[in-house]
Protein backbone atom coordinates (compact mmCIF):
# COMPACT_ATOMS: atom_id res chain seq x y z
CA MET A 1 -28.94 -14.89 50.05
CA LYS A 2 -28.22 -11.15 49.82
CA TYR A 3 -24.53 -11.95 49.60
CA VAL A 4 -25.11 -14.20 46.56
CA GLN A 5 -27.26 -11.57 44.82
CA LYS A 6 -24.65 -8.86 45.40
CA ARG A 7 -21.98 -11.14 44.08
CA LEU A 8 -24.03 -11.96 40.97
CA ARG A 9 -24.70 -8.26 40.33
CA LEU A 10 -20.98 -7.52 40.68
CA ALA A 11 -20.11 -10.37 38.31
CA GLY A 12 -22.68 -9.09 35.82
CA ARG A 13 -21.26 -5.58 35.96
CA LEU A 14 -17.73 -6.88 35.55
CA ALA A 15 -18.84 -8.93 32.54
CA ILE A 16 -20.44 -5.85 30.97
CA VAL A 17 -17.33 -3.73 31.57
CA GLY A 18 -15.11 -6.54 30.24
CA GLY A 19 -17.33 -6.86 27.16
CA ILE A 20 -17.10 -3.12 26.54
CA PHE A 21 -13.29 -3.20 26.77
CA LEU A 22 -13.14 -6.21 24.47
CA GLY A 23 -15.43 -4.45 21.98
CA LEU A 24 -13.28 -1.31 22.08
CA PHE A 25 -10.13 -3.38 21.58
CA LEU A 26 -11.59 -5.24 18.59
CA ALA A 27 -12.94 -2.01 17.08
CA GLY A 28 -9.54 -0.37 17.53
CA TYR A 29 -7.81 -3.32 15.92
CA TYR A 30 -10.09 -3.54 12.89
CA LEU A 31 -10.26 0.22 12.40
CA GLY A 32 -6.48 0.43 12.44
CA PHE A 33 -5.94 2.29 15.69
CA LEU A 34 -3.61 -0.44 16.95
CA ARG A 35 -0.95 -0.09 14.25
CA GLU A 36 2.64 -1.19 14.14
CA ASN A 37 4.94 1.50 12.79
CA CYS A 38 7.63 -0.54 11.09
CA LYS A 39 9.44 2.71 10.16
CA GLU A 40 11.98 1.52 7.55
CA ASP A 41 12.02 -2.18 8.51
CA THR A 42 10.76 -4.06 5.44
CA THR A 43 10.94 -7.42 7.23
CA CYS A 44 8.51 -6.16 9.89
CA PHE A 45 6.18 -4.79 7.21
CA ASN A 46 6.37 -7.95 5.07
CA GLU A 47 5.40 -10.11 8.05
CA ARG A 48 2.52 -7.88 9.09
CA ALA A 49 1.26 -7.28 5.53
CA SER A 50 1.23 -11.01 4.78
CA MET A 51 -1.26 -11.35 7.68
CA CYS A 52 -3.07 -8.07 6.80
CA ARG A 53 -2.22 -6.52 10.15
CA PRO A 54 -2.31 -2.70 10.39
CA SER A 55 1.16 -1.32 9.86
CA ASP A 56 3.12 1.47 8.21
CA LEU A 57 6.41 1.51 6.32
CA VAL A 58 8.52 4.39 5.01
CA VAL A 59 10.67 3.51 2.00
CA MET A 60 13.32 5.76 0.52
CA LYS A 61 14.43 4.94 -3.03
CA GLN A 62 16.78 7.32 -4.84
CA ASN A 63 15.83 10.21 -2.50
CA THR A 64 12.14 9.59 -3.15
CA VAL A 65 10.00 8.76 -0.10
CA TYR A 66 7.05 6.36 -0.29
CA VAL A 67 4.73 5.54 2.63
CA TYR A 68 2.99 2.15 2.61
CA SER A 69 0.09 1.54 5.00
CA VAL A 70 -1.90 -1.62 5.63
CA GLY A 71 -5.34 -1.23 7.11
CA SER A 72 -6.99 -4.25 8.66
CA SER A 73 -10.37 -5.03 7.23
CA ILE A 74 -12.96 -7.72 6.79
CA GLY A 75 -12.64 -9.24 3.34
CA ASP A 76 -9.82 -7.94 1.15
CA CYS A 77 -6.77 -6.33 2.70
CA HIS A 78 -6.47 -2.59 2.04
CA LEU A 79 -2.99 -1.26 1.35
CA SER A 80 -2.30 2.35 0.42
CA VAL A 81 0.82 3.81 -1.14
CA THR A 82 1.58 7.53 -0.96
CA LEU A 83 4.45 9.27 -2.72
CA LYS A 84 5.41 11.69 0.05
CA ARG A 85 8.49 13.36 -1.40
CA VAL A 86 10.28 13.36 -4.74
CA ASP A 87 13.99 14.06 -5.16
CA ALA A 88 14.61 17.75 -5.87
CA GLY A 89 16.69 16.86 -8.94
CA ALA A 90 14.01 14.64 -10.47
CA PRO A 91 12.34 15.65 -13.74
CA VAL A 92 9.25 17.86 -13.43
CA GLU A 93 6.96 14.97 -14.46
CA PHE A 94 8.07 13.03 -11.38
CA GLN A 95 7.82 16.06 -9.10
CA ASN A 96 4.17 16.41 -10.14
CA LEU A 97 3.54 12.98 -8.58
CA GLU A 98 4.41 14.23 -5.09
CA GLY A 99 1.56 13.72 -2.65
CA GLU A 100 -0.36 11.34 -4.93
CA LYS A 101 -1.81 8.12 -3.54
CA MET A 102 -3.09 4.77 -4.71
CA THR A 103 -5.14 2.23 -2.80
CA CYS A 104 -4.95 -1.52 -3.29
CA SER A 105 -7.64 -4.05 -2.30
CA ILE A 106 -5.76 -7.33 -2.27
CA PRO A 107 -7.37 -10.68 -1.43
CA LYS A 108 -5.82 -11.96 1.80
CA GLN A 109 -4.82 -15.30 0.24
CA GLU A 110 -2.72 -13.37 -2.32
CA LEU A 111 -0.69 -11.81 0.49
CA GLU A 112 0.87 -15.06 1.71
CA GLY A 113 4.61 -14.56 1.41
CA PHE A 114 4.20 -10.81 0.76
CA ASN A 115 7.46 -9.12 -0.21
CA MET A 116 7.90 -5.38 -0.81
CA GLU A 117 10.57 -6.10 -3.43
CA ARG A 118 7.88 -7.68 -5.63
CA PHE A 119 5.15 -5.09 -5.06
CA ASP A 120 4.61 -4.69 -8.81
CA GLN A 121 2.77 -8.04 -8.87
CA TYR A 122 -0.04 -6.43 -6.83
CA MET A 123 -0.53 -3.40 -9.12
CA GLY A 124 -3.54 -5.04 -10.75
CA TYR A 125 -5.39 -4.69 -7.44
CA CYS A 126 -4.60 -0.96 -7.15
CA HIS A 127 -6.35 2.21 -8.25
CA GLY A 128 -5.82 5.91 -7.70
CA LEU A 129 -4.09 8.94 -9.12
CA LEU A 130 -0.57 7.70 -8.34
CA LYS A 131 -1.06 4.57 -10.44
CA GLU A 132 -2.78 6.46 -13.26
CA LYS A 133 -0.11 9.16 -13.44
CA LEU A 134 2.73 6.61 -13.28
CA TYR A 135 1.22 4.66 -16.18
CA GLU A 136 0.62 7.87 -18.11
CA LEU A 137 4.25 8.90 -17.57
CA LEU A 138 5.48 5.48 -18.64
CA LEU A 139 3.39 5.51 -21.83
CA THR A 140 4.50 9.06 -22.66
CA ARG A 141 8.16 8.09 -22.31
CA VAL A 142 7.76 4.93 -24.40
CA TYR A 143 5.89 6.88 -27.08
CA SER A 144 8.53 9.67 -27.07
CA HIS A 145 11.33 7.13 -27.34
CA LEU A 146 9.59 5.35 -30.20
CA ILE A 147 8.90 8.57 -32.12
CA GLY A 148 12.40 9.90 -31.40
CA ASN A 149 13.96 6.81 -32.97
CA MET A 150 11.52 6.58 -35.88
CA ASP A 151 14.04 8.01 -38.38
CA GLU A 152 16.55 5.33 -37.51
CA VAL A 153 13.91 2.59 -37.70
CA LEU A 154 12.70 3.84 -41.10
CA ARG A 155 16.28 3.99 -42.46
CA GLU A 156 16.95 0.44 -41.37
CA ALA A 157 13.65 -0.72 -42.87
CA GLU A 158 14.44 1.04 -46.14
CA THR A 159 17.90 -0.55 -46.24
CA ALA A 160 16.44 -3.96 -45.56
CA LEU A 161 13.81 -3.56 -48.31
CA LYS A 162 16.45 -2.53 -50.90
CA LYS A 163 18.35 -5.79 -50.45
């Protein structure tokens, strides 16, 4: 009888310890401690992001470094984009973006077939200073281009009206 009781106590303790380890593992997974560093492998990141698994990706485009990070979560998938380094020869407006970040809360069903090459389709789910400053820069350039060519547009309009 004592043997059975000892065995049951041991089994109970093992179950408690196993439950604690399982809880720690699940907490680590959902809090993003168990991350895959895909480094520069976009295929790895695309696969993990499409399943909303914690992972990181470093992308270098025209000597500009972006860091993409997926954090596992309950509900929407959280993806953050940080502009780590801007090319030294880039215009000052772009250099001011260095270090800025945006966070995206994307519904998991939208991530099926995720592809980094088409990241712009997820911009509607993003917010943060990086997005705001990029849009501001884009609008400023479009406005400057439009105003800079206004003389030419007015001349053509005047010519067309004279006919």
